[in-house]
Amino acid sequence: MKIGLFFLVIGYLLSQFYRSFLAVLAGMLQSDIGVNADDLALSSGLWFLAFALMQLPVGWALDSFGPRRSTALILGIGGTGGALVFGLAQNAMHVHVAMVLLGVGCAPVLMASYYIFARMYPPAIFATLAGAVIGFGSLGNILGALPLAWAAEAFGWRETLLALAAGTALISGVLWRVIQDPPAAMAPEGAKGSLLDLLKIPALWVILPLLAVNYAPAAGLRGLWAGPYFTDVYGASATQVGQITLLMACAMIVGNFAYGPLDRLLGTRKWVILAGNTLGGLCLLVLWLVPVPGFWTSALMLAAIGLFGASFPLMMAHGRSFFPPHLMGRGVTLLNLFSIGGVGVLQMLSGRMHSAASPVPPEAAYQAVFLFFALFLLAGCAIFAFAKDRTD
């Protein structure tokens, strides 16, 4: 089981890379195939929407077939195919198709590890384990920052993506060999096993709105808007953008490790989640009010948004605590659907906000994006304030 989990973390590293690498390649894609920032906003949003829409079938597959076949086959076909299409892309439509395939391919990896944690490990350490997977897997965020910029400039972005396609195929094959499926969970006599049973749990309805928006600002800024923002406002080079996204990626990794054990240290999940996300919303409001505070001040503000926006593992632990064992696969993927689906929708809407805002001065369009994310995040916090606290 441990070797299987190790390679699931490697697979999740690829997932983190594929959701965040567009910010670094933005300038190259624009000059080579005419893809602009709004096109990339749509492509990034399509990755998250494809990922989200796959969560329900992935949950069914985890409960029905286990994590080995579910993960290896979907990652192998979708992930490898998406990277190949991206490496051969000639226009924005090809990039859109590639990102959809990559979103499909990456969909089962994290949930497979969460499914194993929920079925095989004590509930009290779920948040810590969940945060550790994202923390280690977020090295993909780092690889999708400065190292990607170096590789793309040294070898070309097409060659880099084709090499990643080969690596994705290799990891999929290894996952087929090493993952061990947990024993099947038996439903209590007379209990149903449908999504509707999960939606009948009242406690979820005040958790889901914040879950739908809590990751969106960090993912949107790290995965897309950081690059155009620093390029347009500060005239940053690809290497400088790589440095900024690397800083933000490191902050997100720290956040994932920090949030994990806080529920046990402080005896609460609700108030840790609420405090962290409120601080993230306030950072966004500061950037809206002062959109050009200086190169490194802006970088530190984005890093803070990444740090405070890393509450996803703790929110998953909070929601998971309300699920019966025989619906664990469907339950964790339902939560992930709202989280990643929210990112996809808000990412595409943020592109509309950016294009609709005045381009003069250049920071005005990004002010609209910062305010957009801030309002949704703080609204989610207001609803979550009525959530039921629960720890294991």
Protein backbone atom coordinates (compact mmCIF):
# COMPACT_ATOMS: atom_id res chain seq x y z
CA MET A 1 0.00 0.00 0.00
CA LYS A 2 2.82 2.43 0.81
CA ILE A 3 4.54 2.04 -2.57
CA GLY A 4 1.19 2.53 -4.28
CA LEU A 5 0.59 5.72 -2.31
CA PHE A 6 4.08 6.94 -3.18
CA PHE A 7 3.39 6.66 -6.89
CA LEU A 8 -0.07 8.19 -6.46
CA VAL A 9 1.74 11.23 -5.06
CA ILE A 10 3.94 11.22 -8.17
CA GLY A 11 0.77 11.07 -10.27
CA TYR A 12 -0.67 13.95 -8.30
CA LEU A 13 2.53 15.88 -8.95
CA LEU A 14 1.66 15.63 -12.65
CA SER A 15 -1.87 16.82 -11.90
CA GLN A 16 -0.54 19.90 -10.11
CA PHE A 17 1.84 20.58 -12.98
CA TYR A 18 -0.82 20.33 -15.68
CA ARG A 19 -3.22 22.65 -13.89
CA SER A 20 -0.65 25.41 -13.41
CA PHE A 21 1.86 25.42 -16.27
CA LEU A 22 0.00 27.80 -18.61
CA ALA A 23 1.11 30.93 -16.74
CA VAL A 24 4.76 30.25 -17.61
CA LEU A 25 4.11 29.38 -21.27
CA ALA A 26 1.71 32.28 -21.88
CA GLY A 27 4.23 34.49 -23.70
CA MET A 28 5.60 31.66 -25.85
CA LEU A 29 2.15 30.46 -26.86
CA GLN A 30 1.13 33.97 -27.80
CA SER A 31 4.16 34.53 -30.03
CA ASP A 32 4.20 31.03 -31.58
CA ILE A 33 0.53 30.19 -32.18
CA GLY A 34 -1.35 33.41 -31.36
CA VAL A 35 -2.96 32.30 -28.08
CA ASN A 36 -3.80 35.30 -25.87
CA ALA A 37 -4.55 35.63 -22.14
CA ASP A 38 -8.32 35.27 -22.58
CA ASP A 39 -7.81 32.08 -24.62
CA LEU A 40 -5.63 30.72 -21.82
CA ALA A 41 -8.25 31.64 -19.22
CA LEU A 42 -10.73 29.52 -21.16
CA SER A 43 -8.23 26.67 -21.54
CA SER A 44 -7.42 26.72 -17.83
CA GLY A 45 -11.10 26.79 -16.96
CA LEU A 46 -11.77 23.85 -19.29
CA TRP A 47 -9.10 21.81 -17.47
CA PHE A 48 -10.86 22.37 -14.16
CA LEU A 49 -14.35 21.76 -15.60
CA ALA A 50 -13.28 18.51 -17.27
CA PHE A 51 -11.60 17.47 -14.03
CA ALA A 52 -14.76 18.34 -12.06
CA LEU A 53 -17.19 16.58 -14.41
CA MET A 54 -15.12 13.41 -14.15
CA GLN A 55 -15.47 13.31 -10.36
CA LEU A 56 -18.85 11.56 -10.29
CA PRO A 57 -17.81 8.75 -12.65
CA VAL A 58 -14.48 8.53 -10.83
CA GLY A 59 -16.32 8.17 -7.50
CA TRP A 60 -18.46 5.39 -8.94
CA ALA A 61 -15.35 3.70 -10.36
CA LEU A 62 -13.50 3.90 -7.02
CA ASP A 63 -16.41 2.32 -5.16
CA SER A 64 -16.99 -0.27 -7.92
CA PHE A 65 -13.53 -1.20 -9.25
CA GLY A 66 -11.05 0.27 -6.77
CA PRO A 67 -8.28 2.83 -7.27
CA ARG A 68 -5.83 0.73 -9.32
CA ARG A 69 -7.75 0.36 -12.56
CA SER A 70 -9.59 3.65 -12.16
CA THR A 71 -6.40 5.69 -11.84
CA ALA A 72 -3.99 3.93 -14.19
CA LEU A 73 -6.36 3.73 -17.16
CA ILE A 74 -7.78 7.25 -16.95
CA LEU A 75 -4.42 8.92 -16.35
CA GLY A 76 -2.76 6.84 -19.05
CA ILE A 77 -5.32 7.65 -21.74
CA GLY A 78 -6.31 11.21 -20.84
CA GLY A 79 -3.05 12.51 -19.44
CA THR A 80 -0.77 11.07 -22.09
CA GLY A 81 -3.16 12.02 -24.90
CA GLY A 82 -3.58 15.57 -23.62
CA ALA A 83 0.15 16.20 -23.34
CA LEU A 84 0.65 14.88 -26.90
CA VAL A 85 -2.08 17.12 -28.30
CA PHE A 86 -0.62 20.13 -26.47
CA GLY A 87 2.87 19.45 -27.78
CA LEU A 88 1.51 19.37 -31.35
CA ALA A 89 -0.93 22.32 -30.96
CA GLN A 90 -1.21 24.85 -33.79
CA ASN A 91 -3.96 27.14 -32.47
CA ALA A 92 -6.10 27.96 -29.44
CA MET A 93 -8.64 25.22 -30.19
CA HIS A 94 -5.92 22.57 -30.02
CA VAL A 95 -4.84 23.95 -26.64
CA HIS A 96 -8.47 23.80 -25.42
CA VAL A 97 -8.78 20.14 -26.48
CA ALA A 98 -5.45 19.29 -24.86
CA MET A 99 -6.45 20.87 -21.56
CA VAL A 100 -9.78 18.99 -21.53
CA LEU A 101 -7.94 15.69 -22.02
CA LEU A 102 -5.42 16.58 -19.32
CA GLY A 103 -8.25 17.46 -16.92
CA VAL A 104 -9.91 14.10 -17.58
CA GLY A 105 -6.63 12.24 -17.13
CA CYS A 106 -5.73 13.91 -13.85
CA ALA A 107 -9.21 13.51 -12.32
CA PRO A 108 -8.78 10.24 -10.36
CA VAL A 109 -5.29 10.61 -8.91
CA LEU A 110 -5.85 12.62 -5.72
CA MET A 111 -9.21 11.01 -5.00
CA ALA A 112 -7.68 7.55 -5.26
CA SER A 113 -5.26 8.40 -2.45
CA TYR A 114 -8.05 10.00 -0.38
CA TYR A 115 -10.18 6.91 -0.92
CA ILE A 116 -7.36 4.73 0.43
CA PHE A 117 -6.84 7.06 3.42
CA ALA A 118 -10.57 7.06 4.22
CA ARG A 119 -10.81 3.27 4.00
CA MET A 120 -7.50 2.16 5.52
CA TYR A 121 -6.32 4.80 8.03
CA PRO A 122 -7.73 6.33 11.26
CA PRO A 123 -10.15 9.22 10.58
CA ALA A 124 -8.30 11.52 13.01
CA ILE A 125 -5.26 11.71 10.73
CA PHE A 126 -7.16 12.09 7.42
CA ALA A 127 -6.53 15.85 7.20
CA THR A 128 -2.81 15.44 7.91
CA LEU A 129 -2.42 12.71 5.29
CA ALA A 130 -4.55 14.61 2.80
CA GLY A 131 -2.47 17.74 3.29
CA ALA A 132 0.77 15.80 2.98
CA VAL A 133 -0.28 14.36 -0.40
CA ILE A 134 -1.10 17.82 -1.71
CA GLY A 135 2.03 19.26 -0.13
CA PHE A 136 4.38 16.74 -1.74
CA GLY A 137 2.36 16.63 -4.94
CA SER A 138 2.55 20.40 -5.16
CA LEU A 139 6.15 20.00 -6.20
CA GLY A 140 4.42 19.84 -9.58
CA ASN A 141 3.55 23.48 -9.00
CA ILE A 142 7.25 24.14 -8.57
CA LEU A 143 8.19 22.15 -11.67
CA GLY A 144 5.56 24.14 -13.56
CA ALA A 145 7.24 27.40 -12.55
CA LEU A 146 10.94 28.24 -12.95
CA PRO A 147 12.10 24.74 -14.06
CA LEU A 148 9.48 24.74 -16.82
CA ALA A 149 10.59 28.20 -17.93
CA TRP A 150 14.19 26.97 -18.16
CA ALA A 151 13.23 23.80 -20.04
CA ALA A 152 10.96 25.62 -22.48
CA GLU A 153 13.65 28.20 -23.24
CA ALA A 154 16.40 25.58 -23.54
CA PHE A 155 14.59 22.84 -25.49
CA GLY A 156 11.36 24.45 -26.70
CA TRP A 157 7.90 24.21 -25.22
CA ARG A 158 6.76 21.57 -27.73
CA GLU A 159 9.65 19.25 -26.95
CA THR A 160 9.07 19.74 -23.23
CA LEU A 161 5.39 18.74 -23.52
CA LEU A 162 6.16 15.70 -25.64
CA ALA A 163 8.67 14.54 -23.02
CA LEU A 164 5.99 15.03 -20.35
CA ALA A 165 3.61 12.86 -22.40
CA ALA A 166 6.15 10.03 -22.27
CA GLY A 167 6.61 10.52 -18.53
CA THR A 168 2.85 10.45 -17.95
CA ALA A 169 2.53 7.17 -19.84
CA LEU A 170 5.33 5.68 -17.75
CA ILE A 171 3.76 6.73 -14.44
CA SER A 172 0.41 5.27 -15.52
CA GLY A 173 2.02 1.93 -16.22
CA VAL A 174 3.73 1.91 -12.83
CA LEU A 175 0.44 2.73 -11.07
CA TRP A 176 -1.18 -0.28 -12.75
CA ARG A 177 1.49 -2.50 -11.25
CA VAL A 178 1.88 -1.12 -7.71
CA ILE A 179 -1.51 0.13 -6.41
CA GLN A 180 -3.27 -2.27 -4.03
CA ASP A 181 -7.07 -1.94 -3.84
CA PRO A 182 -8.57 -1.81 -0.31
CA PRO A 183 -11.15 -4.52 0.53
CA ALA A 184 -14.61 -3.66 -0.76
CA ALA A 185 -16.87 -1.89 1.76
CA MET A 186 -20.20 -3.55 2.41
CA ALA A 187 -23.25 -1.32 2.64
CA PRO A 188 -25.49 -1.78 5.71
CA GLU A 189 -28.57 -3.87 4.98
CA GLY A 190 -31.17 -1.73 3.27
CA ALA A 191 -28.79 1.20 2.74
CA LYS A 192 -28.66 2.80 -0.67
CA GLY A 193 -25.51 3.79 -2.46
CA SER A 194 -26.39 6.79 -4.57
CA LEU A 195 -25.34 10.40 -4.86
CA LEU A 196 -28.78 11.42 -3.63
CA ASP A 197 -28.02 9.88 -0.24
CA LEU A 198 -25.04 12.21 0.09
CA LEU A 199 -27.05 15.26 -0.92
CA LYS A 200 -29.56 14.49 1.84
CA ILE A 201 -26.91 15.24 4.48
CA PRO A 202 -27.87 18.76 5.72
CA ALA A 203 -24.41 19.62 7.05
CA LEU A 204 -22.95 19.56 3.54
CA TRP A 205 -25.07 22.40 2.20
CA VAL A 206 -23.22 25.10 4.12
CA ILE A 207 -19.82 23.50 3.41
CA LEU A 208 -20.20 23.19 -0.36
CA PRO A 209 -20.38 26.95 -1.20
CA LEU A 210 -16.99 27.71 0.39
CA LEU A 211 -15.57 24.51 -1.04
CA ALA A 212 -16.59 25.80 -4.49
CA VAL A 213 -14.63 29.06 -4.09
CA ASN A 214 -11.84 28.51 -1.55
CA TYR A 215 -9.27 27.15 -4.01
CA ALA A 216 -10.30 29.29 -6.99
CA PRO A 217 -8.25 32.46 -6.24
CA ALA A 218 -5.00 30.61 -5.52
CA ALA A 219 -5.44 28.24 -8.47
CA GLY A 220 -6.50 31.02 -10.83
CA LEU A 221 -3.68 33.38 -9.92
CA ARG A 222 -0.99 30.70 -9.77
CA GLY A 223 -2.17 28.83 -12.84
CA LEU A 224 -2.86 31.78 -15.12
CA TRP A 225 -3.14 35.39 -13.99
CA ALA A 226 0.22 35.74 -12.23
CA GLY A 227 2.02 35.57 -15.58
CA PRO A 228 0.00 38.19 -17.50
CA TYR A 229 -0.25 40.43 -14.41
CA PHE A 230 3.51 40.68 -13.87
CA THR A 231 4.16 40.89 -17.62
CA ASP A 232 1.65 43.67 -18.28
CA VAL A 233 2.08 45.67 -15.08
CA TYR A 234 5.80 45.22 -14.35
CA GLY A 235 7.19 44.12 -17.73
CA ALA A 236 8.45 40.85 -16.23
CA SER A 237 10.39 38.31 -18.31
CA ALA A 238 9.55 34.59 -18.51
CA THR A 239 12.26 33.86 -15.95
CA GLN A 240 10.88 36.48 -13.54
CA VAL A 241 7.38 35.05 -13.96
CA GLY A 242 8.89 31.65 -13.17
CA GLN A 243 10.39 33.07 -9.99
CA ILE A 244 7.06 34.58 -8.88
CA THR A 245 5.07 31.44 -9.60
CA LEU A 246 7.73 29.41 -7.82
CA LEU A 247 7.33 31.60 -4.73
CA MET A 248 3.56 31.20 -4.83
CA ALA A 249 3.88 27.43 -5.34
CA CYS A 250 6.16 27.16 -2.28
CA ALA A 251 3.67 29.14 -0.20
CA MET A 252 0.87 26.78 -1.27
CA ILE A 253 2.97 23.78 -0.27
CA VAL A 254 3.62 25.30 3.18
CA GLY A 255 -0.10 25.99 3.51
CA ASN A 256 -1.06 22.40 2.76
CA PHE A 257 1.32 21.06 5.39
CA ALA A 258 0.26 23.73 7.91
CA TYR A 259 -3.51 23.30 7.60
CA GLY A 260 -3.37 19.50 7.95
CA PRO A 261 -2.64 19.07 11.69
CA LEU A 262 -4.29 22.29 12.90
CA ASP A 263 -7.65 20.63 13.54
CA ARG A 264 -6.00 18.32 16.10
CA LEU A 265 -3.84 21.07 17.60
CA LEU A 266 -6.68 23.58 18.01
CA GLY A 267 -9.62 21.20 18.40
CA THR A 268 -11.62 22.73 15.56
CA ARG A 269 -11.87 22.46 11.80
CA LYS A 270 -14.49 25.08 11.16
CA TRP A 271 -12.68 28.05 12.67
CA VAL A 272 -9.30 27.17 11.16
CA ILE A 273 -10.93 27.00 7.72
CA LEU A 274 -12.93 30.19 8.24
CA ALA A 275 -10.00 32.23 9.56
CA GLY A 276 -7.62 31.16 6.79
CA ASN A 277 -10.02 31.85 3.95
CA THR A 278 -11.06 35.21 5.39
CA LEU A 279 -7.41 36.27 5.48
CA GLY A 280 -7.04 35.19 1.86
CA GLY A 281 -10.04 37.30 0.90
CA LEU A 282 -8.55 40.32 2.68
CA CYS A 283 -5.28 39.90 0.74
CA LEU A 284 -7.26 39.99 -2.51
CA LEU A 285 -9.00 43.18 -1.40
CA VAL A 286 -5.63 44.78 -0.67
CA LEU A 287 -4.44 44.03 -4.21
CA TRP A 288 -7.68 45.45 -5.57
CA LEU A 289 -7.20 48.66 -3.61
CA VAL A 290 -3.44 48.91 -4.33
CA PRO A 291 -2.84 46.97 -7.57
CA VAL A 292 0.77 48.19 -8.10
CA PRO A 293 2.42 48.08 -4.66
CA GLY A 294 5.81 47.13 -6.10
CA PHE A 295 7.18 44.01 -7.77
CA TRP A 296 8.12 42.01 -4.69
CA THR A 297 5.25 43.31 -2.57
CA SER A 298 2.85 42.03 -5.22
CA ALA A 299 4.72 38.73 -5.24
CA LEU A 300 4.42 38.40 -1.46
CA MET A 301 0.70 39.19 -1.60
CA LEU A 302 0.18 36.44 -4.17
CA ALA A 303 2.21 34.09 -1.97
CA ALA A 304 -0.05 34.95 0.99
CA ILE A 305 -3.14 34.19 -1.11
CA GLY A 306 -1.59 30.83 -1.98
CA LEU A 307 -0.75 30.13 1.67
CA PHE A 308 -4.21 30.95 3.03
CA GLY A 309 -5.93 29.32 0.04
CA ALA A 310 -4.51 25.87 0.85
CA SER A 311 -7.38 24.82 3.13
CA PHE A 312 -8.70 22.17 0.70
CA PRO A 313 -7.36 19.14 2.64
CA LEU A 314 -8.94 20.36 5.87
CA MET A 315 -12.22 21.07 4.09
CA MET A 316 -12.14 17.56 2.63
CA ALA A 317 -11.59 16.13 6.12
CA HIS A 318 -14.49 18.22 7.43
CA GLY A 319 -16.86 17.04 4.72
CA ARG A 320 -15.61 13.42 4.83
CA SER A 321 -16.53 13.16 8.50
CA PHE A 322 -20.24 13.16 7.53
CA PHE A 323 -20.02 10.25 5.00
CA PRO A 324 -20.89 6.56 5.59
CA PRO A 325 -18.07 4.12 4.68
CA HIS A 326 -19.82 2.52 1.69
CA LEU A 327 -20.21 5.93 0.02
CA MET A 328 -16.70 7.18 0.71
CA GLY A 329 -15.60 7.13 -2.93
CA ARG A 330 -18.65 9.02 -4.12
CA GLY A 331 -18.42 11.35 -1.12
CA VAL A 332 -14.85 12.55 -1.55
CA THR A 333 -15.32 12.94 -5.30
CA LEU A 334 -18.52 14.96 -4.74
CA LEU A 335 -16.53 17.37 -2.58
CA ASN A 336 -13.80 17.51 -5.18
CA LEU A 337 -16.37 18.16 -7.91
CA PHE A 338 -17.52 21.32 -6.13
CA SER A 339 -13.96 22.45 -5.43
CA ILE A 340 -12.52 21.91 -8.89
CA GLY A 341 -15.76 22.77 -10.67
CA GLY A 342 -15.83 26.07 -8.83
CA VAL A 343 -12.28 26.78 -9.97
CA GLY A 344 -13.22 26.05 -13.58
CA VAL A 345 -16.29 28.27 -13.59
CA LEU A 346 -14.61 31.16 -11.78
CA GLN A 347 -11.54 30.87 -13.97
CA MET A 348 -13.58 31.32 -17.15
CA LEU A 349 -15.63 34.12 -15.59
CA SER A 350 -12.44 35.84 -14.48
CA GLY A 351 -11.39 35.91 -18.13
CA ARG A 352 -14.61 37.75 -18.93
CA MET A 353 -13.95 40.19 -16.10
CA HIS A 354 -10.43 40.80 -17.38
CA SER A 355 -11.51 41.42 -20.96
CA ALA A 356 -14.45 43.64 -19.93
CA ALA A 357 -12.36 45.90 -17.69
CA SER A 358 -10.60 48.98 -18.99
CA PRO A 359 -7.11 48.19 -20.34
CA VAL A 360 -5.86 51.65 -19.33
CA PRO A 361 -4.00 51.71 -17.05
CA PRO A 362 -2.83 48.07 -17.49
CA GLU A 363 -3.45 47.18 -13.84
CA ALA A 364 -7.17 48.06 -14.13
CA ALA A 365 -8.04 44.74 -15.75
CA TYR A 366 -6.30 42.86 -12.94
CA GLN A 367 -8.06 44.93 -10.29
CA ALA A 368 -11.30 43.53 -11.68
CA VAL A 369 -9.94 39.98 -11.36
CA PHE A 370 -8.76 40.54 -7.75
CA LEU A 371 -12.11 42.01 -6.69
CA PHE A 372 -14.01 39.24 -8.47
CA PHE A 373 -12.16 36.51 -6.58
CA ALA A 374 -12.36 38.42 -3.27
CA LEU A 375 -16.14 38.82 -3.36
CA PHE A 376 -16.79 35.16 -4.11
CA LEU A 377 -14.36 33.97 -1.45
CA LEU A 378 -15.76 36.21 1.27
CA ALA A 379 -19.34 35.26 0.34
CA GLY A 380 -18.38 31.60 0.75
CA CYS A 381 -16.90 32.41 4.17
CA ALA A 382 -20.14 34.13 5.24
CA ILE A 383 -22.16 30.98 4.44
CA PHE A 384 -19.60 28.66 6.02
CA ALA A 385 -19.89 30.59 9.29
CA PHE A 386 -23.13 28.63 9.86
CA ALA A 387 -21.43 25.23 9.32
CA LYS A 388 -21.43 22.50 11.95
CA ASP A 389 -17.98 21.93 13.42
CA ARG A 390 -16.81 18.33 13.55
CA THR A 391 -13.50 16.68 14.31
CA ASP A 392 -12.60 12.99 14.46
